[in-house]
Amino acid sequence: MLKLLVGLGNPGPEYEQTRHNAGFWWIDAVARELKATLQAERSHFGRLGRVTVGGQPLWLLTPSTYMNRSGQAVASVARFYKIEPHEILVAHDELDLPPGEMKLKKGGGHAGHNGLRDIHAQLGSADYWRLRLGIGHPGDKSEVANWVLKKAPSDQREALEACIERSLHALPDLLAGRTEKATALLHTSKPPRPKPPRPATPPADSSAGGQLL
């Protein structure tokens, strides 16, 4: 059963709408769903909220440090409340998935994600759950830093927001530890296919008084 949900991002208004803050957006959506309030906790280096689910406490966290120090907040909360790595889920932006797709996994490497890298180091374990929220890839490795720290265009942002909304349907199973069922829901929740373009309308016959606009 999960006891700590973490969303990764960078603090400050200049980063609020950037792709790298997808984890923050997810936690905000979960907090609204569970009617939780997150408040600044300097001793835990982040914004922290608590709700009761199934008679058990559940903590929601967004680190107030920059991304590459995310583990400081996660480890602080985990140690204080005696939460094991396998009871933690971290939501983060994922370059290897297109906007609108998400994947749930447990353990594994950090794949160069600096937030995950620091959580690995601070927890001393990779045995925690991750919800990977697709943001797409710029296609060029040298452009990754600019990509994650920029706002997504409206169609990509809408796809990501719809993905986050769909993820809430799996939240009861996630929190109850029914990870197989939650995984099935999350992985089969694909963004809707775009509608095919409508056939072009033949130009009007000018001889019949029509106009080409």
C-alpha atoms as a PDB file:
ATOM      1  CA  MET A   1       0.000   0.000   0.000  1.00  0.00           C
ATOM      2  CA  LEU A   2       1.313   3.435  -0.931  1.00  0.00           C
ATOM      3  CA  LYS A   3       1.967   5.921   1.856  1.00  0.00           C
ATOM      4  CA  LEU A   4       3.750   8.756   0.045  1.00  0.00           C
ATOM      5  CA  LEU A   5       2.964  10.344  -3.332  1.00  0.00           C
ATOM      6  CA  VAL A   6       5.606  12.682  -4.743  1.00  0.00           C
ATOM      7  CA  GLY A   7       5.438  15.001  -7.733  1.00  0.00           C
ATOM      8  CA  LEU A   8       8.663  16.334  -9.224  1.00  0.00           C
ATOM      9  CA  GLY A   9       9.273  19.803 -10.615  1.00  0.00           C
ATOM     10  CA  ASN A  10      11.090  23.062 -10.061  1.00  0.00           C
ATOM     11  CA  PRO A  11       9.834  25.762  -7.661  1.00  0.00           C
ATOM     12  CA  GLY A  12       9.059  29.299  -8.757  1.00  0.00           C
ATOM     13  CA  PRO A  13       6.615  30.946 -11.169  1.00  0.00           C
ATOM     14  CA  GLU A  14       9.136  30.925 -14.019  1.00  0.00           C
ATOM     15  CA  TYR A  15       9.048  27.111 -14.085  1.00  0.00           C
ATOM     16  CA  GLU A  16       5.399  26.555 -13.206  1.00  0.00           C
ATOM     17  CA  GLN A  17       4.197  25.869 -16.760  1.00  0.00           C
ATOM     18  CA  THR A  18       7.282  24.055 -18.063  1.00  0.00           C
ATOM     19  CA  ARG A  19       7.289  20.383 -19.104  1.00  0.00           C
ATOM     20  CA  HIS A  20       9.643  19.462 -16.259  1.00  0.00           C
ATOM     21  CA  ASN A  21       6.871  20.305 -13.786  1.00  0.00           C
ATOM     22  CA  ALA A  22       4.480  17.580 -14.953  1.00  0.00           C
ATOM     23  CA  GLY A  23       4.887  15.814 -11.606  1.00  0.00           C
ATOM     24  CA  PHE A  24       3.753  18.946  -9.759  1.00  0.00           C
ATOM     25  CA  TRP A  25       0.662  19.106 -11.974  1.00  0.00           C
ATOM     26  CA  TRP A  26      -0.149  15.487 -11.145  1.00  0.00           C
ATOM     27  CA  ILE A  27       0.125  16.013  -7.385  1.00  0.00           C
ATOM     28  CA  ASP A  28      -2.073  19.110  -7.630  1.00  0.00           C
ATOM     29  CA  ALA A  29      -4.711  17.041  -9.458  1.00  0.00           C
ATOM     30  CA  VAL A  30      -4.496  14.266  -6.855  1.00  0.00           C
ATOM     31  CA  ALA A  31      -4.770  16.807  -4.034  1.00  0.00           C
ATOM     32  CA  ARG A  32      -7.950  18.212  -5.589  1.00  0.00           C
ATOM     33  CA  GLU A  33      -9.349  14.695  -6.008  1.00  0.00           C
ATOM     34  CA  LEU A  34      -8.619  13.754  -2.387  1.00  0.00           C
ATOM     35  CA  LYS A  35      -9.448  17.218  -1.013  1.00  0.00           C
ATOM     36  CA  ALA A  36      -5.964  17.534   0.445  1.00  0.00           C
ATOM     37  CA  THR A  37      -4.128  20.773   1.191  1.00  0.00           C
ATOM     38  CA  LEU A  38      -0.368  21.058   0.748  1.00  0.00           C
ATOM     39  CA  GLN A  39       1.508  23.489   2.982  1.00  0.00           C
ATOM     40  CA  ALA A  40       5.129  24.557   3.066  1.00  0.00           C
ATOM     41  CA  GLU A  41       7.172  22.472   5.512  1.00  0.00           C
ATOM     42  CA  ARG A  42      10.670  23.897   5.739  1.00  0.00           C
ATOM     43  CA  SER A  43      11.859  21.006   7.876  1.00  0.00           C
ATOM     44  CA  HIS A  44      10.973  18.626   5.032  1.00  0.00           C
ATOM     45  CA  PHE A  45      12.131  20.878   2.152  1.00  0.00           C
ATOM     46  CA  GLY A  46       8.785  20.921   0.351  1.00  0.00           C
ATOM     47  CA  ARG A  47       5.028  21.327   0.346  1.00  0.00           C
ATOM     48  CA  LEU A  48       3.382  18.513   2.280  1.00  0.00           C
ATOM     49  CA  GLY A  49      -0.186  17.394   2.800  1.00  0.00           C
ATOM     50  CA  ARG A  50      -1.860  14.539   4.664  1.00  0.00           C
ATOM     51  CA  VAL A  51      -5.138  12.742   4.096  1.00  0.00           C
ATOM     52  CA  THR A  52      -6.616   9.504   5.414  1.00  0.00           C
ATOM     53  CA  VAL A  53      -7.416   6.804   2.856  1.00  0.00           C
ATOM     54  CA  GLY A  54      -8.756   3.424   3.915  1.00  0.00           C
ATOM     55  CA  GLY A  55      -8.041   4.304   7.527  1.00  0.00           C
ATOM     56  CA  GLN A  56      -4.356   4.900   6.788  1.00  0.00           C
ATOM     57  CA  PRO A  57      -2.410   8.166   6.457  1.00  0.00           C
ATOM     58  CA  LEU A  58      -1.310   9.170   2.966  1.00  0.00           C
ATOM     59  CA  TRP A  59       1.245  11.932   2.419  1.00  0.00           C
ATOM     60  CA  LEU A  60       1.472  14.146  -0.685  1.00  0.00           C
ATOM     61  CA  LEU A  61       4.731  15.971  -1.384  1.00  0.00           C
ATOM     62  CA  THR A  62       6.220  18.416  -3.862  1.00  0.00           C
ATOM     63  CA  PRO A  63       9.872  19.290  -3.126  1.00  0.00           C
ATOM     64  CA  SER A  64      10.679  22.997  -2.842  1.00  0.00           C
ATOM     65  CA  THR A  65      14.287  22.407  -3.873  1.00  0.00           C
ATOM     66  CA  TYR A  66      15.362  22.402  -7.495  1.00  0.00           C
ATOM     67  CA  MET A  67      14.925  19.187  -9.436  1.00  0.00           C
ATOM     68  CA  ASN A  68      18.436  17.836  -8.847  1.00  0.00           C
ATOM     69  CA  ARG A  69      17.885  17.994  -5.052  1.00  0.00           C
ATOM     70  CA  SER A  70      14.484  16.300  -5.024  1.00  0.00           C
ATOM     71  CA  GLY A  71      15.750  13.404  -2.931  1.00  0.00           C
ATOM     72  CA  GLN A  72      16.374  15.677   0.057  1.00  0.00           C
ATOM     73  CA  ALA A  73      12.634  16.206   0.575  1.00  0.00           C
ATOM     74  CA  VAL A  74      11.620  12.637  -0.274  1.00  0.00           C
ATOM     75  CA  ALA A  75      14.161  11.087   2.102  1.00  0.00           C
ATOM     76  CA  SER A  76      13.290  13.549   4.879  1.00  0.00           C
ATOM     77  CA  VAL A  77       9.580  12.667   4.789  1.00  0.00           C
ATOM     78  CA  ALA A  78      10.235   8.946   4.326  1.00  0.00           C
ATOM     79  CA  ARG A  79      12.573   8.732   7.307  1.00  0.00           C
ATOM     80  CA  PHE A  80      10.458  10.867   9.614  1.00  0.00           C
ATOM     81  CA  TYR A  81       7.263   8.906   8.955  1.00  0.00           C
ATOM     82  CA  LYS A  82       9.020   5.532   8.570  1.00  0.00           C
ATOM     83  CA  ILE A  83       7.944   5.013   4.969  1.00  0.00           C
ATOM     84  CA  GLU A  84       9.747   2.321   2.984  1.00  0.00           C
ATOM     85  CA  PRO A  85      10.817   2.888  -0.660  1.00  0.00           C
ATOM     86  CA  HIS A  86       8.242   0.400  -1.995  1.00  0.00           C
ATOM     87  CA  GLU A  87       5.521   2.512  -0.313  1.00  0.00           C
ATOM     88  CA  ILE A  88       6.490   5.598  -2.342  1.00  0.00           C
ATOM     89  CA  LEU A  89       5.261   6.662  -5.787  1.00  0.00           C
ATOM     90  CA  VAL A  90       7.068   9.417  -7.691  1.00  0.00           C
ATOM     91  CA  ALA A  91       5.350  11.132 -10.640  1.00  0.00           C
ATOM     92  CA  HIS A  92       7.711  12.736 -13.155  1.00  0.00           C
ATOM     93  CA  ASP A  93       8.045  13.923 -16.742  1.00  0.00           C
ATOM     94  CA  GLU A  94       9.168  11.253 -19.220  1.00  0.00           C
ATOM     95  CA  LEU A  95      10.964  12.036 -22.480  1.00  0.00           C
ATOM     96  CA  ASP A  96      10.521   8.533 -23.894  1.00  0.00           C
ATOM     97  CA  LEU A  97       6.714   8.710 -23.978  1.00  0.00           C
ATOM     98  CA  PRO A  98       4.642  11.018 -26.193  1.00  0.00           C
ATOM     99  CA  PRO A  99       2.398  13.608 -24.556  1.00  0.00           C
ATOM    100  CA  GLY A 100      -0.816  11.931 -23.452  1.00  0.00           C
ATOM    101  CA  GLU A 101       0.710   8.562 -22.537  1.00  0.00           C
ATOM    102  CA  MET A 102       1.832   7.333 -19.123  1.00  0.00           C
ATOM    103  CA  LYS A 103       3.445   4.242 -17.658  1.00  0.00           C
ATOM    104  CA  LEU A 104       3.693   2.834 -14.151  1.00  0.00           C
ATOM    105  CA  LYS A 105       6.814   0.962 -13.133  1.00  0.00           C
ATOM    106  CA  LYS A 106       8.652  -0.092 -10.010  1.00  0.00           C
ATOM    107  CA  GLY A 107      12.395   0.134  -9.602  1.00  0.00           C
ATOM    108  CA  GLY A 108      14.923   0.447 -12.401  1.00  0.00           C
ATOM    109  CA  GLY A 109      17.400   3.124 -13.330  1.00  0.00           C
ATOM    110  CA  HIS A 110      16.964   6.877 -13.401  1.00  0.00           C
ATOM    111  CA  ALA A 111      17.562   7.157 -17.193  1.00  0.00           C
ATOM    112  CA  GLY A 112      19.399  10.450 -16.688  1.00  0.00           C
ATOM    113  CA  HIS A 113      16.505  12.156 -14.899  1.00  0.00           C
ATOM    114  CA  ASN A 114      18.177  14.312 -12.263  1.00  0.00           C
ATOM    115  CA  GLY A 115      15.222  14.197  -9.884  1.00  0.00           C
ATOM    116  CA  LEU A 116      15.189  10.408  -9.872  1.00  0.00           C
ATOM    117  CA  ARG A 117      18.969  10.310  -9.662  1.00  0.00           C
ATOM    118  CA  ASP A 118      18.925  12.270  -6.393  1.00  0.00           C
ATOM    119  CA  ILE A 119      16.041  10.240  -4.962  1.00  0.00           C
ATOM    120  CA  HIS A 120      18.045   7.071  -5.679  1.00  0.00           C
ATOM    121  CA  ALA A 121      21.025   8.549  -3.844  1.00  0.00           C
ATOM    122  CA  GLN A 122      19.115   9.946  -0.848  1.00  0.00           C
ATOM    123  CA  LEU A 123      16.928   6.866  -0.284  1.00  0.00           C
ATOM    124  CA  GLY A 124      19.790   4.472  -0.990  1.00  0.00           C
ATOM    125  CA  SER A 125      17.317   2.464  -3.059  1.00  0.00           C
ATOM    126  CA  ALA A 126      15.638   2.399  -6.465  1.00  0.00           C
ATOM    127  CA  ASP A 127      12.807   0.206  -5.159  1.00  0.00           C
ATOM    128  CA  TYR A 128      10.054   2.804  -5.407  1.00  0.00           C
ATOM    129  CA  TRP A 129       7.176   3.245  -7.858  1.00  0.00           C
ATOM    130  CA  ARG A 130       7.279   5.781 -10.690  1.00  0.00           C
ATOM    131  CA  LEU A 131       4.445   7.230 -12.735  1.00  0.00           C
ATOM    132  CA  ARG A 132       6.053   8.335 -15.979  1.00  0.00           C
ATOM    133  CA  LEU A 133       4.111  11.163 -17.636  1.00  0.00           C
ATOM    134  CA  GLY A 134       4.972  11.538 -21.302  1.00  0.00           C
ATOM    135  CA  ILE A 135       6.234  14.913 -22.522  1.00  0.00           C
ATOM    136  CA  GLY A 136       7.772  13.727 -25.801  1.00  0.00           C
ATOM    137  CA  HIS A 137      11.349  14.124 -27.013  1.00  0.00           C
ATOM    138  CA  PRO A 138      12.786  17.010 -29.030  1.00  0.00           C
ATOM    139  CA  GLY A 139      14.548  14.516 -31.313  1.00  0.00           C
ATOM    140  CA  ASP A 140      18.002  15.835 -30.517  1.00  0.00           C
ATOM    141  CA  LYS A 141      19.764  14.985 -27.251  1.00  0.00           C
ATOM    142  CA  SER A 142      21.440  18.387 -27.151  1.00  0.00           C
ATOM    143  CA  GLU A 143      18.009  20.060 -27.038  1.00  0.00           C
ATOM    144  CA  VAL A 144      16.673  18.096 -24.051  1.00  0.00           C
ATOM    145  CA  ALA A 145      17.515  20.746 -21.429  1.00  0.00           C
ATOM    146  CA  ASN A 146      15.739  23.465 -23.388  1.00  0.00           C
ATOM    147  CA  TRP A 147      12.818  21.139 -24.119  1.00  0.00           C
ATOM    148  CA  VAL A 148      12.015  20.236 -20.515  1.00  0.00           C
ATOM    149  CA  LEU A 149      12.384  23.830 -19.302  1.00  0.00           C
ATOM    150  CA  LYS A 150      10.014  25.284 -21.894  1.00  0.00           C
ATOM    151  CA  LYS A 151       6.252  25.456 -21.996  1.00  0.00           C
ATOM    152  CA  ALA A 152       4.602  22.848 -24.174  1.00  0.00           C
ATOM    153  CA  PRO A 153       2.441  24.075 -27.068  1.00  0.00           C
ATOM    154  CA  SER A 154      -1.276  23.986 -26.378  1.00  0.00           C
ATOM    155  CA  ASP A 155      -1.972  20.629 -28.057  1.00  0.00           C
ATOM    156  CA  GLN A 156       0.777  18.876 -26.063  1.00  0.00           C
ATOM    157  CA  ARG A 157      -0.266  20.551 -22.816  1.00  0.00           C
ATOM    158  CA  GLU A 158      -3.884  19.514 -23.388  1.00  0.00           C
ATOM    159  CA  ALA A 159      -2.803  15.911 -24.061  1.00  0.00           C
ATOM    160  CA  LEU A 160      -0.771  15.866 -20.850  1.00  0.00           C
ATOM    161  CA  GLU A 161      -3.599  17.356 -18.802  1.00  0.00           C
ATOM    162  CA  ALA A 162      -6.015  14.780 -20.225  1.00  0.00           C
ATOM    163  CA  CYS A 163      -3.517  12.048 -19.316  1.00  0.00           C
ATOM    164  CA  ILE A 164      -3.347  13.313 -15.723  1.00  0.00           C
ATOM    165  CA  GLU A 165      -7.132  13.406 -15.552  1.00  0.00           C
ATOM    166  CA  ARG A 166      -7.355   9.797 -16.792  1.00  0.00           C
ATOM    167  CA  SER A 167      -4.779   8.701 -14.230  1.00  0.00           C
ATOM    168  CA  LEU A 168      -7.166   9.665 -11.443  1.00  0.00           C
ATOM    169  CA  HIS A 169      -9.427   6.757 -12.443  1.00  0.00           C
ATOM    170  CA  ALA A 170      -6.637   4.390 -11.352  1.00  0.00           C
ATOM    171  CA  LEU A 171      -5.982   6.232  -8.075  1.00  0.00           C
ATOM    172  CA  PRO A 172      -8.175   4.014  -5.838  1.00  0.00           C
ATOM    173  CA  ASP A 173      -6.397   0.877  -7.080  1.00  0.00           C
ATOM    174  CA  LEU A 174      -2.980   2.506  -6.755  1.00  0.00           C
ATOM    175  CA  LEU A 175      -3.590   3.551  -3.172  1.00  0.00           C
ATOM    176  CA  ALA A 176      -5.038   0.178  -2.212  1.00  0.00           C
ATOM    177  CA  GLY A 177      -1.997  -1.657  -3.543  1.00  0.00           C
ATOM    178  CA  ARG A 178      -3.870  -3.219  -6.474  1.00  0.00           C
ATOM    179  CA  THR A 179      -0.991  -2.359  -8.740  1.00  0.00           C
ATOM    180  CA  GLU A 180      -1.791  -4.880 -11.477  1.00  0.00           C
ATOM    181  CA  LYS A 181      -5.257  -3.430 -11.936  1.00  0.00           C
ATOM    182  CA  ALA A 182      -3.914   0.126 -11.714  1.00  0.00           C
ATOM    183  CA  THR A 183      -1.241  -0.665 -14.297  1.00  0.00           C
ATOM    184  CA  ALA A 184      -3.830  -2.079 -16.684  1.00  0.00           C
ATOM    185  CA  LEU A 185      -5.942   1.065 -16.347  1.00  0.00           C
ATOM    186  CA  LEU A 186      -3.008   3.429 -16.780  1.00  0.00           C
ATOM    187  CA  HIS A 187      -1.400   1.631 -19.699  1.00  0.00           C
ATOM    188  CA  THR A 188      -4.610   1.152 -21.660  1.00  0.00           C
ATOM    189  CA  SER A 189      -5.683   4.755 -21.161  1.00  0.00           C
ATOM    190  CA  LYS A 190      -4.346   6.107 -24.420  1.00  0.00           C
ATOM    191  CA  PRO A 191      -5.125   9.562 -25.764  1.00  0.00           C
ATOM    192  CA  PRO A 192      -7.941   9.614 -28.309  1.00  0.00           C
ATOM    193  CA  ARG A 193      -6.876   9.275 -31.924  1.00  0.00           C
ATOM    194  CA  PRO A 194      -7.052  12.513 -33.862  1.00  0.00           C
ATOM    195  CA  LYS A 195     -10.031  12.735 -36.180  1.00  0.00           C
ATOM    196  CA  PRO A 196      -9.185  12.265 -39.863  1.00  0.00           C
ATOM    197  CA  PRO A 197      -9.179  15.492 -41.846  1.00  0.00           C
ATOM    198  CA  ARG A 198     -12.425  16.296 -43.574  1.00  0.00           C
ATOM    199  CA  PRO A 199     -12.362  15.979 -47.373  1.00  0.00           C
ATOM    200  CA  ALA A 200     -11.728  19.234 -49.128  1.00  0.00           C
ATOM    201  CA  THR A 201     -14.824  21.011 -50.380  1.00  0.00           C
ATOM    202  CA  PRO A 202     -14.742  21.412 -54.152  1.00  0.00           C
ATOM    203  CA  PRO A 203     -14.322  25.022 -55.195  1.00  0.00           C
ATOM    204  CA  ALA A 204     -17.482  26.791 -56.086  1.00  0.00           C
ATOM    205  CA  ASP A 205     -18.340  27.165 -59.751  1.00  0.00           C
ATOM    206  CA  SER A 206     -17.710  30.790 -60.540  1.00  0.00           C
ATOM    207  CA  SER A 207     -20.021  30.565 -63.500  1.00  0.00           C
ATOM    208  CA  ALA A 208     -22.906  29.941 -61.048  1.00  0.00           C
ATOM    209  CA  GLY A 209     -22.151  33.057 -59.081  1.00  0.00           C
ATOM    210  CA  GLY A 210     -20.062  31.376 -56.316  1.00  0.00           C
ATOM    211  CA  GLN A 211     -17.000  32.938 -54.654  1.00  0.00           C
ATOM    212  CA  LEU A 212     -13.644  31.322 -53.781  1.00  0.00           C
ATOM    213  CA  LEU A 213     -12.879  32.354 -50.135  1.00  0.00           C
END
